[in-house]
Amino acid sequence: MVAVCRIENLPPGESIRIRGDVAVAVFNVDGDLFAIDDTCTHQDASLADGYLDGHVVECPLHSSCFDLRTGLPTGPPAMRPVRTHRVNVVSGVIHVHLTAGTEVA
């Protein structure tokens, strides 16, 4: 479990990047929190820097889109999903439970 930040520091419509062995992006979608691997599976670009539209994030590099709930791409050019991670809030602090493994299906 990785502490990210206080909930008030990640307002709705915003994202934050966690650096580590594998970078993770955490998104606040109208109060619902989602975490995915931060790197687009099409080409190396930060999804935390992408454009959020509801439960979908668009990669800023080549417009690949991923559903934050499943990690699945919603269309080309990305064909592989990004890994999702469980998120919860404990005493006002956002925590990400990193999914084991380094490969996505």
N, C-alpha and C. Protein backbone atom coordinates (compact mmCIF):
# COMPACT_ATOMS: atom_id res chain seq x y z
N MET A 1 0.85 -1.17 0.00
CA MET A 1 0.00 0.00 0.00
C MET A 1 0.90 1.24 0.00
N VAL A 2 0.60 2.18 -0.89
CA VAL A 2 1.40 3.39 -1.03
C VAL A 2 0.53 4.60 -0.72
N ALA A 3 0.97 5.43 0.21
CA ALA A 3 0.27 6.68 0.50
C ALA A 3 0.55 7.66 -0.62
N VAL A 4 -0.50 8.31 -1.13
CA VAL A 4 -0.37 9.21 -2.28
C VAL A 4 -0.37 10.66 -1.83
N CYS A 5 -1.48 11.10 -1.27
CA CYS A 5 -1.63 12.48 -0.80
C CYS A 5 -2.93 12.57 -0.03
N ARG A 6 -3.18 13.70 0.59
CA ARG A 6 -4.47 13.92 1.25
C ARG A 6 -5.53 14.10 0.18
N ILE A 7 -6.74 13.65 0.46
CA ILE A 7 -7.84 13.70 -0.51
C ILE A 7 -8.10 15.12 -1.00
N GLU A 8 -7.96 16.11 -0.15
CA GLU A 8 -8.20 17.50 -0.57
C GLU A 8 -7.13 18.03 -1.53
N ASN A 9 -6.01 17.33 -1.63
CA ASN A 9 -4.95 17.73 -2.56
C ASN A 9 -5.11 17.14 -3.95
N LEU A 10 -6.17 16.35 -4.16
CA LEU A 10 -6.46 15.78 -5.48
C LEU A 10 -7.94 16.07 -5.80
N PRO A 11 -8.23 17.29 -6.24
CA PRO A 11 -9.62 17.67 -6.49
C PRO A 11 -10.21 16.93 -7.70
N PRO A 12 -11.53 16.88 -7.80
CA PRO A 12 -12.18 16.24 -8.94
C PRO A 12 -11.66 16.80 -10.27
N GLY A 13 -11.45 15.88 -11.22
CA GLY A 13 -10.95 16.25 -12.54
C GLY A 13 -9.43 16.33 -12.62
N GLU A 14 -8.75 16.04 -11.52
CA GLU A 14 -7.29 16.13 -11.50
C GLU A 14 -6.66 14.75 -11.37
N SER A 15 -5.35 14.70 -11.62
CA SER A 15 -4.59 13.46 -11.49
C SER A 15 -3.23 13.76 -10.87
N ILE A 16 -2.59 12.71 -10.40
CA ILE A 16 -1.26 12.82 -9.81
C ILE A 16 -0.47 11.58 -10.18
N ARG A 17 0.82 11.73 -10.36
CA ARG A 17 1.71 10.63 -10.72
C ARG A 17 2.49 10.19 -9.49
N ILE A 18 2.56 8.88 -9.27
CA ILE A 18 3.39 8.30 -8.22
C ILE A 18 4.59 7.67 -8.91
N ARG A 19 5.76 8.09 -8.54
CA ARG A 19 6.97 7.52 -9.13
C ARG A 19 7.39 6.29 -8.32
N GLY A 20 7.92 5.30 -9.00
CA GLY A 20 8.39 4.08 -8.35
C GLY A 20 8.95 3.15 -9.40
N ASP A 21 9.05 1.87 -9.06
CA ASP A 21 9.53 0.89 -10.05
C ASP A 21 8.66 0.96 -11.29
N VAL A 22 7.35 1.10 -11.09
CA VAL A 22 6.39 1.33 -12.16
C VAL A 22 5.60 2.56 -11.76
N ALA A 23 5.61 3.61 -12.59
CA ALA A 23 4.87 4.82 -12.28
C ALA A 23 3.37 4.53 -12.35
N VAL A 24 2.61 5.14 -11.43
CA VAL A 24 1.16 4.96 -11.36
C VAL A 24 0.51 6.33 -11.39
N ALA A 25 -0.61 6.43 -12.10
CA ALA A 25 -1.39 7.67 -12.15
C ALA A 25 -2.67 7.46 -11.35
N VAL A 26 -2.99 8.44 -10.50
CA VAL A 26 -4.21 8.39 -9.69
C VAL A 26 -5.11 9.53 -10.16
N PHE A 27 -6.38 9.22 -10.42
CA PHE A 27 -7.34 10.17 -10.96
C PHE A 27 -8.52 10.32 -10.00
N ASN A 28 -9.03 11.55 -9.89
CA ASN A 28 -10.26 11.82 -9.15
C ASN A 28 -11.33 12.14 -10.18
N VAL A 29 -12.30 11.25 -10.33
CA VAL A 29 -13.41 11.44 -11.27
C VAL A 29 -14.65 11.72 -10.44
N ASP A 30 -14.96 12.98 -10.24
CA ASP A 30 -16.14 13.39 -9.47
C ASP A 30 -16.21 12.70 -8.11
N GLY A 31 -15.08 12.59 -7.45
CA GLY A 31 -15.03 12.00 -6.11
C GLY A 31 -14.69 10.52 -6.10
N ASP A 32 -14.76 9.84 -7.24
CA ASP A 32 -14.35 8.44 -7.34
C ASP A 32 -12.87 8.40 -7.74
N LEU A 33 -12.10 7.59 -7.04
CA LEU A 33 -10.66 7.52 -7.27
C LEU A 33 -10.29 6.27 -8.05
N PHE A 34 -9.39 6.43 -9.01
CA PHE A 34 -8.92 5.34 -9.86
C PHE A 34 -7.41 5.43 -9.99
N ALA A 35 -6.75 4.27 -10.07
CA ALA A 35 -5.30 4.24 -10.28
C ALA A 35 -4.99 3.24 -11.38
N ILE A 36 -4.12 3.67 -12.30
CA ILE A 36 -3.66 2.83 -13.41
C ILE A 36 -2.16 3.03 -13.58
N ASP A 37 -1.51 2.08 -14.26
CA ASP A 37 -0.12 2.32 -14.63
C ASP A 37 -0.06 3.60 -15.45
N ASP A 38 0.92 4.42 -15.19
CA ASP A 38 0.98 5.77 -15.78
C ASP A 38 1.43 5.79 -17.23
N THR A 39 2.07 4.74 -17.71
CA THR A 39 2.65 4.77 -19.06
C THR A 39 1.69 4.17 -20.08
N CYS A 40 1.43 4.93 -21.14
CA CYS A 40 0.59 4.46 -22.23
C CYS A 40 1.22 3.21 -22.85
N THR A 41 0.39 2.21 -23.18
CA THR A 41 0.92 0.97 -23.74
C THR A 41 1.22 1.09 -25.23
N HIS A 42 0.83 2.18 -25.86
CA HIS A 42 1.14 2.40 -27.27
C HIS A 42 2.56 2.94 -27.43
N GLN A 43 2.86 3.97 -26.66
CA GLN A 43 4.19 4.57 -26.70
C GLN A 43 4.40 5.28 -25.38
N ASP A 44 5.64 5.39 -24.94
CA ASP A 44 5.93 5.95 -23.62
C ASP A 44 5.45 7.39 -23.50
N ALA A 45 4.35 7.56 -22.78
CA ALA A 45 3.82 8.87 -22.46
C ALA A 45 3.08 8.76 -21.14
N SER A 46 3.11 9.82 -20.35
CA SER A 46 2.45 9.82 -19.05
C SER A 46 0.95 10.03 -19.19
N LEU A 47 0.17 9.07 -18.69
CA LEU A 47 -1.28 9.22 -18.73
C LEU A 47 -1.77 10.24 -17.70
N ALA A 48 -0.99 10.48 -16.65
CA ALA A 48 -1.36 11.52 -15.68
C ALA A 48 -1.37 12.89 -16.34
N ASP A 49 -0.62 13.04 -17.44
CA ASP A 49 -0.60 14.30 -18.19
C ASP A 49 -1.68 14.34 -19.27
N GLY A 50 -2.50 13.28 -19.33
CA GLY A 50 -3.51 13.17 -20.37
C GLY A 50 -4.76 13.99 -20.07
N TYR A 51 -5.76 13.80 -20.91
CA TYR A 51 -7.01 14.56 -20.84
C TYR A 51 -8.09 13.66 -20.29
N LEU A 52 -8.70 14.07 -19.20
CA LEU A 52 -9.72 13.28 -18.53
C LEU A 52 -11.10 13.66 -19.05
N ASP A 53 -11.88 12.65 -19.46
CA ASP A 53 -13.25 12.85 -19.92
C ASP A 53 -14.10 11.76 -19.30
N GLY A 54 -14.75 12.07 -18.19
CA GLY A 54 -15.49 11.04 -17.46
C GLY A 54 -14.54 9.99 -16.94
N HIS A 55 -14.82 8.72 -17.24
CA HIS A 55 -13.99 7.61 -16.79
C HIS A 55 -12.92 7.22 -17.80
N VAL A 56 -12.64 8.10 -18.75
CA VAL A 56 -11.66 7.81 -19.80
C VAL A 56 -10.55 8.85 -19.76
N VAL A 57 -9.31 8.38 -19.88
CA VAL A 57 -8.18 9.28 -20.00
C VAL A 57 -7.60 9.12 -21.40
N GLU A 58 -7.30 10.25 -22.03
CA GLU A 58 -6.72 10.26 -23.37
C GLU A 58 -5.24 10.58 -23.24
N CYS A 59 -4.41 9.74 -23.83
CA CYS A 59 -2.96 9.94 -23.81
C CYS A 59 -2.63 11.24 -24.54
N PRO A 60 -1.74 12.06 -23.98
CA PRO A 60 -1.41 13.33 -24.62
C PRO A 60 -0.54 13.20 -25.87
N LEU A 61 0.00 12.01 -26.13
CA LEU A 61 0.93 11.85 -27.24
C LEU A 61 0.23 11.47 -28.55
N HIS A 62 -0.52 10.38 -28.56
CA HIS A 62 -1.16 9.92 -29.80
C HIS A 62 -2.65 9.64 -29.64
N SER A 63 -3.26 10.17 -28.60
CA SER A 63 -4.72 10.11 -28.38
C SER A 63 -5.28 8.73 -28.09
N SER A 64 -4.46 7.79 -27.65
CA SER A 64 -5.01 6.53 -27.17
C SER A 64 -5.85 6.82 -25.94
N CYS A 65 -6.97 6.12 -25.78
CA CYS A 65 -7.85 6.34 -24.64
C CYS A 65 -7.98 5.05 -23.83
N PHE A 66 -8.04 5.19 -22.52
CA PHE A 66 -8.15 4.05 -21.62
C PHE A 66 -9.27 4.30 -20.62
N ASP A 67 -10.06 3.25 -20.37
CA ASP A 67 -11.11 3.31 -19.36
C ASP A 67 -10.45 3.12 -17.99
N LEU A 68 -10.62 4.10 -17.11
CA LEU A 68 -9.97 4.05 -15.80
C LEU A 68 -10.50 2.92 -14.94
N ARG A 69 -11.72 2.46 -15.19
CA ARG A 69 -12.32 1.40 -14.39
C ARG A 69 -11.75 0.03 -14.72
N THR A 70 -11.33 -0.18 -15.96
CA THR A 70 -10.89 -1.51 -16.40
C THR A 70 -9.45 -1.53 -16.91
N GLY A 71 -8.93 -0.37 -17.31
CA GLY A 71 -7.61 -0.29 -17.92
C GLY A 71 -7.62 -0.61 -19.41
N LEU A 72 -8.79 -0.98 -19.95
CA LEU A 72 -8.87 -1.36 -21.36
C LEU A 72 -8.81 -0.15 -22.28
N PRO A 73 -8.11 -0.28 -23.41
CA PRO A 73 -8.13 0.80 -24.39
C PRO A 73 -9.51 0.87 -25.04
N THR A 74 -9.96 2.07 -25.36
CA THR A 74 -11.27 2.22 -25.99
C THR A 74 -11.16 2.31 -27.50
N GLY A 75 -9.95 2.26 -28.03
CA GLY A 75 -9.72 2.29 -29.47
C GLY A 75 -8.26 2.48 -29.76
N PRO A 76 -7.88 2.36 -31.04
CA PRO A 76 -6.47 2.50 -31.42
C PRO A 76 -5.98 3.94 -31.20
N PRO A 77 -4.67 4.12 -31.14
CA PRO A 77 -3.65 3.16 -31.54
C PRO A 77 -3.27 2.15 -30.46
N ALA A 78 -3.59 2.40 -29.18
CA ALA A 78 -3.24 1.41 -28.14
C ALA A 78 -4.09 0.16 -28.31
N MET A 79 -3.47 -0.98 -28.15
CA MET A 79 -4.18 -2.26 -28.26
C MET A 79 -4.13 -3.04 -26.94
N ARG A 80 -3.14 -2.75 -26.10
CA ARG A 80 -2.99 -3.45 -24.82
C ARG A 80 -3.50 -2.59 -23.68
N PRO A 81 -4.11 -3.21 -22.67
CA PRO A 81 -4.61 -2.44 -21.52
C PRO A 81 -3.47 -1.99 -20.61
N VAL A 82 -3.79 -1.06 -19.75
CA VAL A 82 -2.88 -0.70 -18.65
C VAL A 82 -3.40 -1.40 -17.40
N ARG A 83 -2.51 -1.65 -16.48
CA ARG A 83 -2.89 -2.31 -15.24
C ARG A 83 -3.65 -1.34 -14.34
N THR A 84 -4.66 -1.84 -13.66
CA THR A 84 -5.40 -1.03 -12.69
C THR A 84 -4.96 -1.41 -11.29
N HIS A 85 -5.16 -0.50 -10.35
CA HIS A 85 -4.78 -0.71 -8.95
C HIS A 85 -5.93 -0.26 -8.05
N ARG A 86 -6.11 -0.95 -6.94
CA ARG A 86 -7.17 -0.61 -5.99
C ARG A 86 -6.77 0.65 -5.21
N VAL A 87 -7.75 1.51 -4.96
CA VAL A 87 -7.54 2.77 -4.25
C VAL A 87 -8.51 2.85 -3.08
N ASN A 88 -8.02 3.33 -1.94
CA ASN A 88 -8.94 3.65 -0.85
C ASN A 88 -8.41 4.86 -0.09
N VAL A 89 -9.26 5.40 0.78
CA VAL A 89 -8.90 6.56 1.58
C VAL A 89 -8.96 6.15 3.05
N VAL A 90 -7.87 6.40 3.77
CA VAL A 90 -7.78 6.09 5.18
C VAL A 90 -7.40 7.36 5.92
N SER A 91 -8.26 7.80 6.81
CA SER A 91 -8.01 9.02 7.60
C SER A 91 -7.67 10.21 6.71
N GLY A 92 -8.38 10.32 5.58
CA GLY A 92 -8.19 11.46 4.69
C GLY A 92 -7.02 11.35 3.74
N VAL A 93 -6.30 10.22 3.75
CA VAL A 93 -5.14 10.03 2.88
C VAL A 93 -5.47 8.97 1.83
N ILE A 94 -5.19 9.29 0.56
CA ILE A 94 -5.40 8.35 -0.54
C ILE A 94 -4.28 7.32 -0.52
N HIS A 95 -4.66 6.04 -0.62
CA HIS A 95 -3.69 4.94 -0.68
C HIS A 95 -3.96 4.11 -1.92
N VAL A 96 -2.88 3.68 -2.57
CA VAL A 96 -2.97 2.79 -3.73
C VAL A 96 -2.37 1.45 -3.33
N HIS A 97 -3.13 0.38 -3.64
CA HIS A 97 -2.68 -0.98 -3.42
C HIS A 97 -2.17 -1.49 -4.78
N LEU A 98 -0.87 -1.52 -4.94
CA LEU A 98 -0.28 -1.87 -6.22
C LEU A 98 -0.57 -3.32 -6.58
N THR A 99 -1.00 -3.53 -7.82
CA THR A 99 -1.27 -4.86 -8.34
C THR A 99 0.05 -5.56 -8.58
N ALA A 100 0.13 -6.81 -8.17
CA ALA A 100 1.37 -7.57 -8.34
C ALA A 100 1.65 -7.85 -9.81
N GLY A 101 2.92 -8.05 -10.12
CA GLY A 101 3.31 -8.38 -11.49
C GLY A 101 3.68 -7.14 -12.28
N THR A 102 4.40 -7.36 -13.35
CA THR A 102 4.83 -6.24 -14.17
C THR A 102 4.22 -6.26 -15.55
N GLU A 103 3.53 -7.34 -15.89
CA GLU A 103 2.95 -7.45 -17.23
C GLU A 103 1.45 -7.25 -17.17
N VAL A 104 0.90 -6.66 -18.20
CA VAL A 104 -0.55 -6.55 -18.32
C VAL A 104 -1.02 -7.56 -19.36
N ALA A 105 -2.26 -8.00 -19.21
CA ALA A 105 -2.80 -9.02 -20.12
C ALA A 105 -3.00 -8.48 -21.51
